[in-house]
Amino acid sequence: MHTDNPEFNRLLSHHRQGVETVIGHLCHWFDIERVSSRDLWHLTSRLARKILAHTVMIWLNHQQGRPWLQFSSIITQ
């Protein structure tokens, strides 16, 4: 998508970078690429737990005054 509005492009790029960072965290820290399950119920519950764990990590960083998406500081403590 190409738009001549530089402010819109900057905003879109900023949000896209955040989404890609979260997807990268889910792949790296939570191994979301390999969720093996036998039925849809277990698949959705495992995915929900991983997304909830990611949200809790963001909340912990926010509570401690750290950058929200920097998980290595929590894990190495």
N, C-alpha and C. Protein backbone atom coordinates (compact mmCIF):
# COMPACT_ATOMS: atom_id res chain seq x y z
N MET A 1 0.85 -1.17 0.00
CA MET A 1 0.00 0.00 0.00
C MET A 1 0.90 1.23 0.00
N HIS A 2 0.61 2.13 -0.90
CA HIS A 2 1.40 3.35 -1.00
C HIS A 2 0.47 4.56 -0.84
N THR A 3 0.84 5.41 0.08
CA THR A 3 0.07 6.63 0.32
C THR A 3 1.05 7.80 0.30
N ASP A 4 0.60 8.91 -0.22
CA ASP A 4 1.46 10.09 -0.28
C ASP A 4 1.47 10.87 1.03
N ASN A 5 0.73 10.42 2.00
CA ASN A 5 0.66 11.08 3.29
C ASN A 5 1.76 10.53 4.20
N PRO A 6 2.84 11.29 4.44
CA PRO A 6 3.95 10.76 5.24
C PRO A 6 3.58 10.51 6.70
N GLU A 7 2.66 11.28 7.24
CA GLU A 7 2.25 11.06 8.64
C GLU A 7 1.53 9.71 8.78
N PHE A 8 0.66 9.41 7.83
CA PHE A 8 -0.04 8.13 7.84
C PHE A 8 0.94 6.98 7.68
N ASN A 9 1.91 7.12 6.79
CA ASN A 9 2.92 6.07 6.59
C ASN A 9 3.73 5.83 7.85
N ARG A 10 4.08 6.90 8.54
CA ARG A 10 4.83 6.77 9.80
C ARG A 10 4.01 6.05 10.86
N LEU A 11 2.74 6.43 10.97
CA LEU A 11 1.85 5.81 11.95
C LEU A 11 1.66 4.33 11.64
N LEU A 12 1.43 4.01 10.38
CA LEU A 12 1.25 2.62 9.98
C LEU A 12 2.52 1.81 10.24
N SER A 13 3.66 2.39 9.94
CA SER A 13 4.94 1.71 10.17
C SER A 13 5.17 1.47 11.65
N HIS A 14 4.81 2.43 12.49
CA HIS A 14 4.97 2.29 13.93
C HIS A 14 4.12 1.13 14.47
N HIS A 15 2.88 1.07 14.05
CA HIS A 15 1.99 0.00 14.52
C HIS A 15 2.42 -1.35 13.97
N ARG A 16 2.86 -1.38 12.74
CA ARG A 16 3.31 -2.63 12.14
C ARG A 16 4.54 -3.16 12.87
N GLN A 17 5.45 -2.28 13.26
CA GLN A 17 6.64 -2.69 13.99
C GLN A 17 6.25 -3.32 15.34
N GLY A 18 5.27 -2.74 16.01
CA GLY A 18 4.80 -3.31 17.28
C GLY A 18 4.18 -4.69 17.11
N VAL A 19 3.38 -4.84 16.07
CA VAL A 19 2.75 -6.14 15.80
C VAL A 19 3.81 -7.18 15.47
N GLU A 20 4.78 -6.83 14.66
CA GLU A 20 5.84 -7.77 14.30
C GLU A 20 6.70 -8.13 15.50
N THR A 21 6.90 -7.20 16.42
CA THR A 21 7.65 -7.49 17.64
C THR A 21 6.90 -8.49 18.50
N VAL A 22 5.61 -8.32 18.66
CA VAL A 22 4.81 -9.25 19.46
C VAL A 22 4.80 -10.63 18.82
N ILE A 23 4.66 -10.70 17.51
CA ILE A 23 4.69 -11.99 16.83
C ILE A 23 6.05 -12.65 17.01
N GLY A 24 7.11 -11.87 16.94
CA GLY A 24 8.45 -12.41 17.19
C GLY A 24 8.61 -12.94 18.60
N HIS A 25 8.06 -12.25 19.59
CA HIS A 25 8.11 -12.73 20.97
C HIS A 25 7.35 -14.04 21.11
N LEU A 26 6.17 -14.11 20.53
CA LEU A 26 5.38 -15.34 20.63
C LEU A 26 6.11 -16.51 19.98
N CYS A 27 6.83 -16.26 18.92
CA CYS A 27 7.58 -17.33 18.27
C CYS A 27 8.82 -17.71 19.07
N HIS A 28 9.53 -16.72 19.58
CA HIS A 28 10.80 -17.00 20.27
C HIS A 28 10.61 -17.46 21.71
N TRP A 29 9.93 -16.67 22.51
CA TRP A 29 9.83 -16.96 23.93
C TRP A 29 8.78 -18.04 24.25
N PHE A 30 7.71 -18.09 23.47
CA PHE A 30 6.60 -18.98 23.81
C PHE A 30 6.44 -20.13 22.82
N ASP A 31 7.31 -20.24 21.83
CA ASP A 31 7.33 -21.34 20.88
C ASP A 31 5.94 -21.61 20.29
N ILE A 32 5.31 -20.55 19.85
CA ILE A 32 3.93 -20.66 19.38
C ILE A 32 3.84 -21.35 18.01
N GLU A 33 4.96 -21.49 17.34
CA GLU A 33 4.95 -22.15 16.03
C GLU A 33 4.67 -23.65 16.15
N ARG A 34 4.97 -24.22 17.30
CA ARG A 34 4.80 -25.66 17.48
C ARG A 34 3.83 -25.96 18.61
N VAL A 35 2.59 -25.68 18.40
CA VAL A 35 1.56 -25.99 19.37
C VAL A 35 0.88 -27.26 18.90
N SER A 36 1.23 -28.37 19.52
CA SER A 36 0.65 -29.64 19.08
C SER A 36 -0.52 -30.00 19.99
N SER A 37 -1.60 -30.35 19.36
CA SER A 37 -2.78 -30.76 20.11
C SER A 37 -3.62 -31.68 19.24
N ARG A 38 -4.49 -32.42 19.88
CA ARG A 38 -5.30 -33.39 19.14
C ARG A 38 -6.65 -32.84 18.70
N ASP A 39 -7.11 -31.80 19.36
CA ASP A 39 -8.42 -31.26 18.97
C ASP A 39 -8.41 -29.74 19.11
N LEU A 40 -9.47 -29.14 18.64
CA LEU A 40 -9.56 -27.68 18.60
C LEU A 40 -9.59 -27.08 19.99
N TRP A 41 -10.23 -27.73 20.94
CA TRP A 41 -10.32 -27.21 22.31
C TRP A 41 -8.93 -27.04 22.92
N HIS A 42 -8.10 -28.06 22.82
CA HIS A 42 -6.76 -27.98 23.40
C HIS A 42 -5.88 -26.99 22.64
N LEU A 43 -6.06 -26.92 21.33
CA LEU A 43 -5.30 -25.94 20.56
C LEU A 43 -5.62 -24.52 20.99
N THR A 44 -6.89 -24.20 21.09
CA THR A 44 -7.27 -22.83 21.47
C THR A 44 -6.88 -22.52 22.90
N SER A 45 -6.96 -23.49 23.80
CA SER A 45 -6.58 -23.21 25.19
C SER A 45 -5.07 -23.02 25.31
N ARG A 46 -4.27 -23.76 24.57
CA ARG A 46 -2.82 -23.57 24.61
C ARG A 46 -2.43 -22.22 24.01
N LEU A 47 -3.06 -21.87 22.90
CA LEU A 47 -2.77 -20.55 22.32
C LEU A 47 -3.19 -19.43 23.26
N ALA A 48 -4.35 -19.59 23.89
CA ALA A 48 -4.82 -18.56 24.82
C ALA A 48 -3.87 -18.41 26.01
N ARG A 49 -3.35 -19.53 26.54
CA ARG A 49 -2.40 -19.46 27.66
C ARG A 49 -1.13 -18.75 27.25
N LYS A 50 -0.65 -19.00 26.05
CA LYS A 50 0.59 -18.36 25.60
C LYS A 50 0.38 -16.86 25.40
N ILE A 51 -0.75 -16.48 24.85
CA ILE A 51 -1.03 -15.06 24.67
C ILE A 51 -1.25 -14.38 26.01
N LEU A 52 -1.90 -15.06 26.94
CA LEU A 52 -2.08 -14.51 28.29
C LEU A 52 -0.73 -14.36 28.99
N ALA A 53 0.17 -15.32 28.84
CA ALA A 53 1.49 -15.22 29.45
C ALA A 53 2.25 -14.03 28.87
N HIS A 54 2.11 -13.80 27.58
CA HIS A 54 2.76 -12.64 26.95
C HIS A 54 2.20 -11.35 27.54
N THR A 55 0.90 -11.29 27.73
CA THR A 55 0.26 -10.11 28.29
C THR A 55 0.72 -9.87 29.73
N VAL A 56 0.87 -10.93 30.50
CA VAL A 56 1.35 -10.81 31.88
C VAL A 56 2.79 -10.29 31.90
N MET A 57 3.62 -10.76 30.97
CA MET A 57 5.00 -10.27 30.91
C MET A 57 5.03 -8.77 30.60
N ILE A 58 4.16 -8.32 29.70
CA ILE A 58 4.08 -6.89 29.40
C ILE A 58 3.65 -6.12 30.64
N TRP A 59 2.67 -6.65 31.35
CA TRP A 59 2.17 -5.99 32.57
C TRP A 59 3.26 -5.92 33.63
N LEU A 60 4.03 -7.00 33.81
CA LEU A 60 5.12 -6.99 34.79
C LEU A 60 6.17 -5.93 34.44
N ASN A 61 6.52 -5.85 33.17
CA ASN A 61 7.47 -4.81 32.75
C ASN A 61 6.91 -3.43 33.01
N HIS A 62 5.65 -3.23 32.74
CA HIS A 62 5.03 -1.92 32.97
C HIS A 62 5.03 -1.58 34.46
N GLN A 63 4.74 -2.55 35.32
CA GLN A 63 4.72 -2.32 36.76
C GLN A 63 6.10 -1.96 37.31
N GLN A 64 7.15 -2.50 36.69
CA GLN A 64 8.50 -2.25 37.18
C GLN A 64 9.19 -1.11 36.43
N GLY A 65 8.46 -0.42 35.57
CA GLY A 65 9.00 0.75 34.89
C GLY A 65 9.98 0.45 33.78
N ARG A 66 9.93 -0.73 33.23
CA ARG A 66 10.81 -1.11 32.13
C ARG A 66 10.08 -0.95 30.80
N PRO A 67 10.82 -0.99 29.69
CA PRO A 67 10.14 -1.00 28.39
C PRO A 67 9.22 -2.22 28.29
N TRP A 68 8.03 -2.02 27.77
CA TRP A 68 6.99 -3.05 27.81
C TRP A 68 7.38 -4.33 27.10
N LEU A 69 8.08 -4.25 26.01
CA LEU A 69 8.36 -5.43 25.20
C LEU A 69 9.77 -5.97 25.37
N GLN A 70 10.44 -5.63 26.46
CA GLN A 70 11.78 -6.12 26.71
C GLN A 70 11.71 -7.24 27.76
N PHE A 71 11.61 -8.47 27.29
CA PHE A 71 11.39 -9.61 28.20
C PHE A 71 12.68 -10.17 28.78
N SER A 72 13.79 -9.93 28.15
CA SER A 72 15.05 -10.53 28.63
C SER A 72 15.41 -10.06 30.03
N SER A 73 15.01 -8.85 30.40
CA SER A 73 15.33 -8.35 31.75
C SER A 73 14.52 -9.08 32.82
N ILE A 74 13.32 -9.52 32.51
CA ILE A 74 12.52 -10.27 33.48
C ILE A 74 13.06 -11.69 33.64
N ILE A 75 13.42 -12.30 32.54
CA ILE A 75 13.84 -13.70 32.56
C ILE A 75 15.21 -13.87 33.21
N THR A 76 16.11 -12.89 33.07
CA THR A 76 17.45 -13.02 33.60
C THR A 76 17.54 -12.66 35.08
N GLN A 77 16.46 -12.16 35.67
CA GLN A 77 16.52 -11.77 37.09
C GLN A 77 16.53 -12.96 37.99
